[in-house]
C-alpha atoms as a PDB file:
ATOM      1  CA  MET A   1     -16.928 -14.101 -15.709  1.00  0.00           C
ATOM      2  CA  LYS A   2     -14.086 -12.106 -14.727  1.00  0.00           C
ATOM      3  CA  GLY A   3     -13.392  -8.752 -12.903  1.00  0.00           C
ATOM      4  CA  THR A   4     -10.571  -6.840 -10.966  1.00  0.00           C
ATOM      5  CA  GLY A   5     -10.607  -4.937  -7.747  1.00  0.00           C
ATOM      6  CA  THR A   6      -7.655  -2.479  -6.203  1.00  0.00           C
ATOM      7  CA  ALA A   7      -7.471  -1.271  -2.795  1.00  0.00           C
ATOM      8  CA  TYR A   8      -5.038   0.725  -1.207  1.00  0.00           C
ATOM      9  CA  SER A   9      -2.693   0.964   1.895  1.00  0.00           C
ATOM     10  CA  ALA A  10      -3.230   3.183   4.511  1.00  0.00           C
ATOM     11  CA  ALA A  11      -1.365   4.723   7.752  1.00  0.00           C
ATOM     12  CA  THR A  12      -2.422   5.260  11.110  1.00  0.00           C
ATOM     13  CA  ILE A  13      -3.306   8.666  12.867  1.00  0.00           C
ATOM     14  CA  VAL A  14      -4.866   6.934  16.004  1.00  0.00           C
ATOM     15  CA  ASN A  15      -5.207   3.252  16.752  1.00  0.00           C
ATOM     16  CA  ALA A  16      -8.098   1.943  17.878  1.00  0.00           C
ATOM     17  CA  MET A  17      -6.993  -0.814  19.927  1.00  0.00           C
ATOM     18  CA  ALA A  18      -7.235   1.147  23.011  1.00  0.00           C
ATOM     19  CA  THR A  19     -10.764   3.377  22.658  1.00  0.00           C
ATOM     20  CA  GLY A  20     -12.102   1.708  19.999  1.00  0.00           C
ATOM     21  CA  TYR A  21     -12.130   4.857  18.036  1.00  0.00           C
ATOM     22  CA  GLY A  22      -9.564   4.919  15.406  1.00  0.00           C
ATOM     23  CA  ALA A  23      -8.246   7.514  12.607  1.00  0.00           C
ATOM     24  CA  ALA A  24      -6.121   6.931   9.527  1.00  0.00           C
ATOM     25  CA  PHE A  25      -5.831   8.030   6.173  1.00  0.00           C
ATOM     26  CA  GLY A  26      -4.810   6.279   2.611  1.00  0.00           C
ATOM     27  CA  ILE A  27      -1.583   6.059   0.687  1.00  0.00           C
ATOM     28  CA  ASP A  28      -0.919   4.904  -2.634  1.00  0.00           C
ATOM     29  CA  LEU A  29       0.637   1.471  -2.314  1.00  0.00           C
ATOM     30  CA  LYS A  30      -1.934  -1.028  -3.655  1.00  0.00           C
ATOM     31  CA  THR A  31      -3.188  -4.661  -3.874  1.00  0.00           C
ATOM     32  CA  GLU A  32      -4.819  -5.736  -6.910  1.00  0.00           C
ATOM     33  CA  ALA A  33      -7.167  -8.386  -7.077  1.00  0.00           C
ATOM     34  CA  GLU A  34      -8.697 -10.463 -10.455  1.00  0.00           C
ATOM     35  CA  ILE A  35     -11.352 -12.388  -9.516  1.00  0.00           C
ATOM     36  CA  THR A  36     -12.758 -15.709 -12.297  1.00  0.00           C
ATOM     37  CA  ILE A  37     -16.315 -16.943 -11.501  1.00  0.00           C
ATOM     38  CA  SER A  38     -17.463 -20.039 -13.340  1.00  0.00           C
ATOM     39  CA  SER A  39     -19.997 -22.799 -12.499  1.00  0.00           C
ATOM     40  CA  GLY A  40     -19.159 -25.587 -10.170  1.00  0.00           C
ATOM     41  CA  GLN A  41     -17.478 -25.205  -6.610  1.00  0.00           C
ATOM     42  CA  GLY A  42     -14.703 -24.457  -4.911  1.00  0.00           C
ATOM     43  CA  ILE A  43     -12.543 -20.947  -3.917  1.00  0.00           C
ATOM     44  CA  TYR A  44      -8.784 -21.117  -5.191  1.00  0.00           C
ATOM     45  CA  ILE A  45      -6.574 -18.523  -4.090  1.00  0.00           C
ATOM     46  CA  LYS A  46      -3.027 -17.541  -6.004  1.00  0.00           C
ATOM     47  CA  THR A  47      -0.926 -14.866  -4.425  1.00  0.00           C
ATOM     48  CA  ASP A  48       2.273 -13.244  -4.233  1.00  0.00           C
ATOM     49  CA  VAL A  49       2.146 -12.106  -0.737  1.00  0.00           C
ATOM     50  CA  ASP A  50       2.274 -13.217   2.893  1.00  0.00           C
ATOM     51  CA  GLU A  51      -1.415 -13.096   3.354  1.00  0.00           C
ATOM     52  CA  SER A  52      -3.545 -15.484   4.591  1.00  0.00           C
ATOM     53  CA  PRO A  53      -5.421 -17.519   2.332  1.00  0.00           C
ATOM     54  CA  GLN A  54      -8.183 -18.273   5.214  1.00  0.00           C
ATOM     55  CA  LEU A  55      -8.883 -14.385   5.138  1.00  0.00           C
ATOM     56  CA  VAL A  56      -9.366 -14.038   1.467  1.00  0.00           C
ATOM     57  CA  THR A  57     -11.583 -17.378   1.140  1.00  0.00           C
ATOM     58  CA  LEU A  58     -13.919 -15.943   4.016  1.00  0.00           C
ATOM     59  CA  CYS A  59     -14.227 -13.007   2.643  1.00  0.00           C
ATOM     60  CA  ILE A  60     -15.329 -14.266  -0.710  1.00  0.00           C
ATOM     61  CA  GLU A  61     -17.659 -16.993   1.506  1.00  0.00           C
ATOM     62  CA  ARG A  62     -19.555 -14.022   3.020  1.00  0.00           C
ATOM     63  CA  PHE A  63     -19.970 -11.951  -0.086  1.00  0.00           C
ATOM     64  CA  LEU A  64     -21.597 -14.950  -1.678  1.00  0.00           C
ATOM     65  CA  ASP A  65     -23.615 -16.001   1.267  1.00  0.00           C
ATOM     66  CA  LYS A  66     -24.917 -11.937   1.315  1.00  0.00           C
ATOM     67  CA  PHE A  67     -24.979 -11.205  -2.555  1.00  0.00           C
ATOM     68  CA  ALA A  68     -25.743 -14.658  -4.204  1.00  0.00           C
ATOM     69  CA  PRO A  69     -27.557 -16.870  -1.738  1.00  0.00           C
ATOM     70  CA  GLY A  70     -28.231 -20.333  -2.798  1.00  0.00           C
ATOM     71  CA  GLU A  71     -26.047 -20.318  -6.030  1.00  0.00           C
ATOM     72  CA  GLU A  72     -22.668 -22.262  -6.604  1.00  0.00           C
ATOM     73  CA  TYR A  73     -19.625 -20.993  -8.331  1.00  0.00           C
ATOM     74  CA  ARG A  74     -15.928 -21.884  -8.710  1.00  0.00           C
ATOM     75  CA  VAL A  75     -13.990 -18.909  -7.572  1.00  0.00           C
ATOM     76  CA  CYS A  76     -10.902 -18.025  -8.589  1.00  0.00           C
ATOM     77  CA  ALA A  77      -8.958 -15.393  -6.942  1.00  0.00           C
ATOM     78  CA  GLU A  78      -5.504 -13.874  -7.975  1.00  0.00           C
ATOM     79  CA  LEU A  79      -3.847 -11.103  -5.706  1.00  0.00           C
ATOM     80  CA  ASN A  80      -0.526  -8.982  -6.277  1.00  0.00           C
ATOM     81  CA  SER A  81       0.352  -6.192  -3.910  1.00  0.00           C
ATOM     82  CA  ASN A  82       3.472  -3.946  -2.926  1.00  0.00           C
ATOM     83  CA  ILE A  83       2.198  -3.250   0.621  1.00  0.00           C
ATOM     84  CA  PRO A  84       4.796  -4.752   2.933  1.00  0.00           C
ATOM     85  CA  VAL A  85       2.797  -7.348   5.027  1.00  0.00           C
ATOM     86  CA  SER A  86       2.424  -7.248   9.109  1.00  0.00           C
ATOM     87  CA  ARG A  87       4.297  -4.419   9.541  1.00  0.00           C
ATOM     88  CA  GLY A  88       1.191  -1.887  10.198  1.00  0.00           C
ATOM     89  CA  LEU A  89       0.434  -0.759   6.764  1.00  0.00           C
ATOM     90  CA  LYS A  90      -2.891  -2.487   6.290  1.00  0.00           C
ATOM     91  CA  SER A  91      -1.918  -5.000   4.387  1.00  0.00           C
ATOM     92  CA  SER A  92      -4.518  -7.502   4.918  1.00  0.00           C
ATOM     93  CA  SER A  93      -7.276  -4.620   4.921  1.00  0.00           C
ATOM     94  CA  ALA A  94      -6.257  -3.894   1.187  1.00  0.00           C
ATOM     95  CA  ALA A  95      -6.500  -7.748   0.689  1.00  0.00           C
ATOM     96  CA  CYS A  96     -10.095  -7.908   1.545  1.00  0.00           C
ATOM     97  CA  ASN A  97     -11.026  -4.657   0.083  1.00  0.00           C
ATOM     98  CA  ALA A  98      -9.699  -5.694  -3.257  1.00  0.00           C
ATOM     99  CA  VAL A  99     -11.206  -8.981  -3.485  1.00  0.00           C
ATOM    100  CA  LEU A 100     -14.742  -7.829  -2.294  1.00  0.00           C
ATOM    101  CA  MET A 101     -14.350  -5.251  -5.074  1.00  0.00           C
ATOM    102  CA  ALA A 102     -13.550  -7.602  -7.456  1.00  0.00           C
ATOM    103  CA  MET A 103     -16.033  -9.932  -6.694  1.00  0.00           C
ATOM    104  CA  LYS A 104     -18.877  -6.685  -7.030  1.00  0.00           C
ATOM    105  CA  ASN A 105     -17.562  -6.002 -10.153  1.00  0.00           C
ATOM    106  CA  THR A 106     -17.052  -9.372 -11.535  1.00  0.00           C
ATOM    107  CA  LEU A 107     -21.362 -10.020 -10.657  1.00  0.00           C
ATOM    108  CA  SER A 108     -22.032  -6.735 -11.327  1.00  0.00           C
ATOM    109  CA  ILE A 109     -23.539  -6.264  -7.652  1.00  0.00           C
ATOM    110  CA  ASP A 110     -24.871  -2.972  -6.645  1.00  0.00           C
ATOM    111  CA  CYS A 111     -24.571  -2.444  -3.063  1.00  0.00           C
ATOM    112  CA  ASP A 112     -23.256  -0.093  -0.232  1.00  0.00           C
ATOM    113  CA  ILE A 113     -19.302   0.427  -0.046  1.00  0.00           C
ATOM    114  CA  LEU A 114     -19.525   0.549   3.634  1.00  0.00           C
ATOM    115  CA  ASP A 115     -21.154  -2.910   3.541  1.00  0.00           C
ATOM    116  CA  LEU A 116     -18.194  -4.164   1.535  1.00  0.00           C
ATOM    117  CA  ILE A 117     -15.717  -2.996   4.476  1.00  0.00           C
ATOM    118  CA  ARG A 118     -17.919  -4.530   7.153  1.00  0.00           C
ATOM    119  CA  ILE A 119     -18.120  -7.953   5.344  1.00  0.00           C
ATOM    120  CA  GLY A 120     -13.812  -7.693   5.541  1.00  0.00           C
ATOM    121  CA  THR A 121     -13.798  -6.316   8.845  1.00  0.00           C
ATOM    122  CA  ALA A 122     -15.407  -9.278  10.270  1.00  0.00           C
ATOM    123  CA  ALA A 123     -13.592 -11.507   8.537  1.00  0.00           C
ATOM    124  CA  SER A 124     -10.099  -9.894   9.975  1.00  0.00           C
ATOM    125  CA  ILE A 125     -11.790 -10.621  13.171  1.00  0.00           C
ATOM    126  CA  ASP A 126     -12.923 -14.310  12.673  1.00  0.00           C
ATOM    127  CA  CYS A 127      -9.446 -14.752  11.201  1.00  0.00           C
ATOM    128  CA  GLY A 128      -7.428 -13.450  13.962  1.00  0.00           C
ATOM    129  CA  VAL A 129      -5.412 -10.766  11.916  1.00  0.00           C
ATOM    130  CA  SER A 130      -7.451  -7.823  13.579  1.00  0.00           C
ATOM    131  CA  LEU A 131      -7.992  -7.361  17.343  1.00  0.00           C
ATOM    132  CA  THR A 132     -10.720  -4.526  16.413  1.00  0.00           C
ATOM    133  CA  GLY A 133     -11.477  -5.003  12.642  1.00  0.00           C
ATOM    134  CA  ALA A 134      -9.452  -2.518  11.994  1.00  0.00           C
ATOM    135  CA  PHE A 135     -13.003  -0.384  10.302  1.00  0.00           C
ATOM    136  CA  ASP A 136     -10.522   2.619  10.408  1.00  0.00           C
ATOM    137  CA  ASP A 137      -7.836   1.055   8.343  1.00  0.00           C
ATOM    138  CA  ALA A 138     -10.211  -0.816   5.967  1.00  0.00           C
ATOM    139  CA  CYS A 139     -12.367   2.732   5.400  1.00  0.00           C
ATOM    140  CA  ALA A 140      -8.971   4.470   4.719  1.00  0.00           C
ATOM    141  CA  SER A 141      -8.109   1.582   2.350  1.00  0.00           C
ATOM    142  CA  MET A 142     -11.152   1.517   0.006  1.00  0.00           C
ATOM    143  CA  LEU A 143     -11.776   5.027   0.355  1.00  0.00           C
ATOM    144  CA  GLY A 144      -9.144   7.300   0.831  1.00  0.00           C
ATOM    145  CA  GLY A 145      -8.791  10.626   2.321  1.00  0.00           C
ATOM    146  CA  VAL A 146      -8.653  10.671   6.085  1.00  0.00           C
ATOM    147  CA  VAL A 147     -11.237   8.643   8.187  1.00  0.00           C
ATOM    148  CA  LEU A 148     -12.505   8.732  11.794  1.00  0.00           C
ATOM    149  CA  THR A 149     -14.315   6.156  12.918  1.00  0.00           C
ATOM    150  CA  ASN A 150     -16.334   4.023  15.702  1.00  0.00           C
ATOM    151  CA  ASN A 151     -14.848   0.607  15.591  1.00  0.00           C
ATOM    152  CA  ASN A 152     -17.135  -0.501  18.077  1.00  0.00           C
ATOM    153  CA  SER A 153     -19.913  -0.101  15.909  1.00  0.00           C
ATOM    154  CA  ASN A 154     -18.434   0.071  12.335  1.00  0.00           C
ATOM    155  CA  ASP A 155     -19.512   3.451  11.888  1.00  0.00           C
ATOM    156  CA  LEU A 156     -17.757   6.076   9.563  1.00  0.00           C
ATOM    157  CA  ILE A 157     -17.768   9.200  11.744  1.00  0.00           C
ATOM    158  CA  LYS A 158     -16.081  11.678   9.523  1.00  0.00           C
ATOM    159  CA  ARG A 159     -13.900  11.688   5.884  1.00  0.00           C
ATOM    160  CA  ARG A 160     -11.890  14.442   4.701  1.00  0.00           C
ATOM    161  CA  HIS A 161      -9.746  15.113   1.992  1.00  0.00           C
ATOM    162  CA  LEU A 162      -6.087  15.512   2.668  1.00  0.00           C
ATOM    163  CA  GLU A 163      -3.526  17.890   1.634  1.00  0.00           C
ATOM    164  CA  GLU A 164      -1.571  16.328  -1.178  1.00  0.00           C
ATOM    165  CA  ASP A 165       1.622  18.504  -1.080  1.00  0.00           C
ATOM    166  CA  VAL A 166       3.010  16.240   1.437  1.00  0.00           C
ATOM    167  CA  ALA A 167       5.201  12.746   0.816  1.00  0.00           C
ATOM    168  CA  VAL A 168       4.881   9.598   3.231  1.00  0.00           C
ATOM    169  CA  VAL A 169       8.356   8.531   4.128  1.00  0.00           C
ATOM    170  CA  ILE A 170       7.853   4.735   5.633  1.00  0.00           C
ATOM    171  CA  ASP A 171      11.069   3.043   7.661  1.00  0.00           C
ATOM    172  CA  ILE A 172      10.391  -0.791   7.372  1.00  0.00           C
ATOM    173  CA  PRO A 173      12.398  -2.973   9.715  1.00  0.00           C
ATOM    174  CA  GLU A 174      12.876  -6.510   8.485  1.00  0.00           C
ATOM    175  CA  TYR A 175      11.102  -8.163  11.406  1.00  0.00           C
ATOM    176  CA  GLN A 176       7.163  -8.638  11.650  1.00  0.00           C
ATOM    177  CA  ILE A 177       4.447  -8.370  14.733  1.00  0.00           C
ATOM    178  CA  ARG A 178       1.461 -10.448  14.440  1.00  0.00           C
ATOM    179  CA  LYS A 179      -1.434  -9.412  16.163  1.00  0.00           C
ATOM    180  CA  PRO A 180      -2.055 -12.412  18.837  1.00  0.00           C
ATOM    181  CA  SER A 181       1.634 -11.480  19.858  1.00  0.00           C
ATOM    182  CA  LEU A 182       0.235  -8.032  21.627  1.00  0.00           C
ATOM    183  CA  ASP A 183      -0.042  -7.805  25.404  1.00  0.00           C
ATOM    184  CA  ARG A 184      -3.646  -6.354  25.501  1.00  0.00           C
ATOM    185  CA  SER A 185      -3.130  -5.232  29.580  1.00  0.00           C
ATOM    186  CA  ARG A 186      -0.598  -2.738  28.222  1.00  0.00           C
ATOM    187  CA  ILE A 187      -2.827  -1.458  25.211  1.00  0.00           C
ATOM    188  CA  LYS A 188      -5.605  -0.792  27.935  1.00  0.00           C
ATOM    189  CA  ALA A 189      -3.073   1.110  30.045  1.00  0.00           C
ATOM    190  CA  VAL A 190      -2.712   3.808  27.350  1.00  0.00           C
ATOM    191  CA  THR A 191      -6.597   4.397  27.187  1.00  0.00           C
ATOM    192  CA  PRO A 192      -6.273   7.968  28.668  1.00  0.00           C
ATOM    193  CA  ILE A 193      -3.920   8.974  25.682  1.00  0.00           C
ATOM    194  CA  ALA A 194      -4.990   7.255  23.113  1.00  0.00           C
ATOM    195  CA  ARG A 195      -8.262   9.091  23.689  1.00  0.00           C
ATOM    196  CA  ILE A 196      -6.030  12.931  23.855  1.00  0.00           C
ATOM    197  CA  ALA A 197      -4.931  11.570  20.644  1.00  0.00           C
ATOM    198  CA  PHE A 198      -8.596  10.541  18.941  1.00  0.00           C
ATOM    199  CA  ASP A 199      -9.518  14.260  20.070  1.00  0.00           C
ATOM    200  CA  LYS A 200      -6.875  16.212  17.895  1.00  0.00           C
ATOM    201  CA  ALA A 201      -7.625  14.222  15.144  1.00  0.00           C
ATOM    202  CA  SER A 202     -11.138  14.945  15.621  1.00  0.00           C
ATOM    203  CA  GLU A 203     -10.277  18.537  15.669  1.00  0.00           C
ATOM    204  CA  GLY A 204      -8.039  18.253  12.116  1.00  0.00           C
ATOM    205  CA  LYS A 205      -4.680  18.538  14.286  1.00  0.00           C
ATOM    206  CA  TYR A 206      -3.882  15.134  12.307  1.00  0.00           C
ATOM    207  CA  TRP A 207      -0.137  15.373  12.623  1.00  0.00           C
ATOM    208  CA  GLU A 208      -0.187  16.265  16.232  1.00  0.00           C
ATOM    209  CA  ALA A 209      -2.596  13.356  16.721  1.00  0.00           C
ATOM    210  CA  LEU A 210      -0.355  10.870  14.332  1.00  0.00           C
ATOM    211  CA  THR A 211       3.123  11.683  16.202  1.00  0.00           C
ATOM    212  CA  LEU A 212       1.206  11.268  19.936  1.00  0.00           C
ATOM    213  CA  ASN A 213      -0.146   8.022  18.931  1.00  0.00           C
ATOM    214  CA  GLY A 214       3.164   6.375  17.705  1.00  0.00           C
ATOM    215  CA  MET A 215       4.737   7.344  21.149  1.00  0.00           C
ATOM    216  CA  CYS A 216       1.941   6.060  22.996  1.00  0.00           C
ATOM    217  CA  TYR A 217       1.757   2.838  21.103  1.00  0.00           C
ATOM    218  CA  SER A 218       5.399   2.465  21.087  1.00  0.00           C
ATOM    219  CA  ALA A 219       5.752   2.499  24.568  1.00  0.00           C
ATOM    220  CA  ALA A 220       2.805  -0.284  24.691  1.00  0.00           C
ATOM    221  CA  PHE A 221       4.383  -2.453  22.312  1.00  0.00           C
ATOM    222  CA  ASN A 222       7.944  -1.503  23.900  1.00  0.00           C
ATOM    223  CA  LEU A 223       9.004  -0.637  20.328  1.00  0.00           C
ATOM    224  CA  ASP A 224      12.220   1.535  19.806  1.00  0.00           C
ATOM    225  CA  GLN A 225      11.260   5.166  18.866  1.00  0.00           C
ATOM    226  CA  GLU A 226      14.757   6.155  17.818  1.00  0.00           C
ATOM    227  CA  ILE A 227      13.708   6.518  13.981  1.00  0.00           C
ATOM    228  CA  SER A 228      10.511   8.512  14.766  1.00  0.00           C
ATOM    229  CA  ILE A 229      12.640  11.142  16.922  1.00  0.00           C
ATOM    230  CA  ARG A 230      15.085  11.259  14.102  1.00  0.00           C
ATOM    231  CA  GLY A 231      12.257  11.989  11.794  1.00  0.00           C
ATOM    232  CA  LEU A 232      10.859  15.019  13.555  1.00  0.00           C
ATOM    233  CA  CYS A 233      14.343  16.268  14.256  1.00  0.00           C
ATOM    234  CA  ASN A 234      15.221  16.615  10.402  1.00  0.00           C
ATOM    235  CA  GLY A 235      11.578  18.439   9.855  1.00  0.00           C
ATOM    236  CA  ALA A 236       8.777  15.802   9.529  1.00  0.00           C
ATOM    237  CA  LEU A 237       5.317  17.520  10.058  1.00  0.00           C
ATOM    238  CA  ALA A 238       4.772  14.274  11.994  1.00  0.00           C
ATOM    239  CA  SER A 239       6.517  10.840  13.036  1.00  0.00           C
ATOM    240  CA  GLY A 240       5.429   7.471  14.255  1.00  0.00           C
ATOM    241  CA  LEU A 241       4.440   3.921  14.999  1.00  0.00           C
ATOM    242  CA  THR A 242       1.681   3.065  12.156  1.00  0.00           C
ATOM    243  CA  GLY A 243      -0.951  -0.046  13.254  1.00  0.00           C
ATOM    244  CA  SER A 244       1.137  -1.935  15.497  1.00  0.00           C
ATOM    245  CA  GLY A 245       3.953  -1.444  13.652  1.00  0.00           C
ATOM    246  CA  PRO A 246       6.975  -2.124  13.319  1.00  0.00           C
ATOM    247  CA  ALA A 247       6.820   0.226  10.283  1.00  0.00           C
ATOM    248  CA  THR A 248       6.881   4.014  11.328  1.00  0.00           C
ATOM    249  CA  ILE A 249       5.287   6.959   9.094  1.00  0.00           C
ATOM    250  CA  MET A 250       7.113   9.942   8.482  1.00  0.00           C
ATOM    251  CA  VAL A 251       4.825  12.923   6.959  1.00  0.00           C
ATOM    252  CA  VAL A 252       7.240  15.245   5.117  1.00  0.00           C
ATOM    253  CA  ASN A 253       6.773  18.336   2.440  1.00  0.00           C
ATOM    254  CA  LYS A 254       7.412  17.347  -0.600  1.00  0.00           C
ATOM    255  CA  ASP A 255       9.530  20.404  -1.243  1.00  0.00           C
ATOM    256  CA  LYS A 256      11.845  19.179   1.664  1.00  0.00           C
ATOM    257  CA  LEU A 257      11.863  15.224   0.687  1.00  0.00           C
ATOM    258  CA  ASP A 258      15.231  14.901  -0.858  1.00  0.00           C
ATOM    259  CA  LYS A 259      17.027  16.918   2.020  1.00  0.00           C
ATOM    260  CA  PHE A 260      14.926  14.521   4.360  1.00  0.00           C
ATOM    261  CA  ILE A 261      15.873  11.592   2.830  1.00  0.00           C
ATOM    262  CA  GLU A 262      19.721  12.609   2.881  1.00  0.00           C
ATOM    263  CA  ASN A 263      19.549  13.532   6.524  1.00  0.00           C
ATOM    264  CA  MET A 264      17.896  10.245   7.339  1.00  0.00           C
ATOM    265  CA  GLY A 265      21.040   7.981   6.285  1.00  0.00           C
ATOM    266  CA  GLU A 266      20.990   4.434   5.259  1.00  0.00           C
ATOM    267  CA  HIS A 267      17.419   3.797   6.709  1.00  0.00           C
ATOM    268  CA  ARG A 268      15.649   1.234   5.006  1.00  0.00           C
ATOM    269  CA  LEU A 269      12.929   4.081   3.660  1.00  0.00           C
ATOM    270  CA  ILE A 270      10.053   3.636   1.086  1.00  0.00           C
ATOM    271  CA  VAL A 271       8.376   6.992  -0.338  1.00  0.00           C
ATOM    272  CA  ALA A 272       4.344   6.963  -1.047  1.00  0.00           C
ATOM    273  CA  ASN A 273       1.722   9.758  -1.762  1.00  0.00           C
ATOM    274  CA  VAL A 274      -1.244  10.550   0.058  1.00  0.00           C
ATOM    275  CA  ASN A 275      -4.584   8.826  -1.424  1.00  0.00           C
ATOM    276  CA  ASN A 276      -7.563  10.688  -1.331  1.00  0.00           C
ATOM    277  CA  GLY A 277      -9.909   8.631  -3.467  1.00  0.00           C
ATOM    278  CA  ASP A 278     -12.957   9.636  -4.952  1.00  0.00           C
ATOM    279  CA  PHE A 279     -14.976  11.894  -2.930  1.00  0.00           C
ATOM    280  CA  ASN A 280     -17.934  11.414  -5.126  1.00  0.00           C
ATOM    281  CA  GLU A 281     -18.265   7.957  -3.911  1.00  0.00           C
ATOM    282  CA  THR A 282     -18.848   8.152   0.016  1.00  0.00           C
ATOM    283  CA  SER A 283     -17.887  11.034   2.418  1.00  0.00           C
ATOM    284  CA  SER A 284     -19.608  12.151   5.623  1.00  0.00           C
END
């Protein structure tokens, strides 16, 4: 039996690390997974990216435990992705989601999409690739659009369609940031500001929230904000750190994109589009 699954990157509007409440939106960088299932035993992972094989393996094991208990399968998973790893662009969430969707499609399982997402978020915590499980990131990756979530209870609070007349310009430094290196005391210290950012997102002021969140967490992580400020000076609607970084997201009107890129000089930038997903699938 063979099946495929696709999941997308996402960008942070409000990081959930401080409060447990997060917001994110989908962008069109993607991870694709192909699953081959046959009789036998064992899980075998092949990937072209620096994602944790342990994370993917755990997602497959937990999927089988939930939807095929007592069955024995040999599972081969192959992943391909154009999402930069450990830059705050939700590559781990996309890997989990793509593999879980491929498992669902291969075995023709009928299930709630949020149940799949929760399998991946639990696996992310257990593997140490996320402090909170990143339910907000995982929902934005799997569903698209803007999502607001309670990561403490893994509940989707709200999902909204996002304007598609904007481009997502991403500055991607060469270095990576791994979650275990983060100072939790500094994250706790910015909790009041993170709450304000989430309130703005709840009011639909997504770009204000994104910019405020970026300033808040960049300070907590002791990261340089020069690229973010430069983006704002050059007309970005919003600019700020995504996830724990180090990538910076700049939201720009598409009709001003060429001039924006020119003004940003020699920074290592990539351009993506908003991914709104399928609003017939899950919304709130």
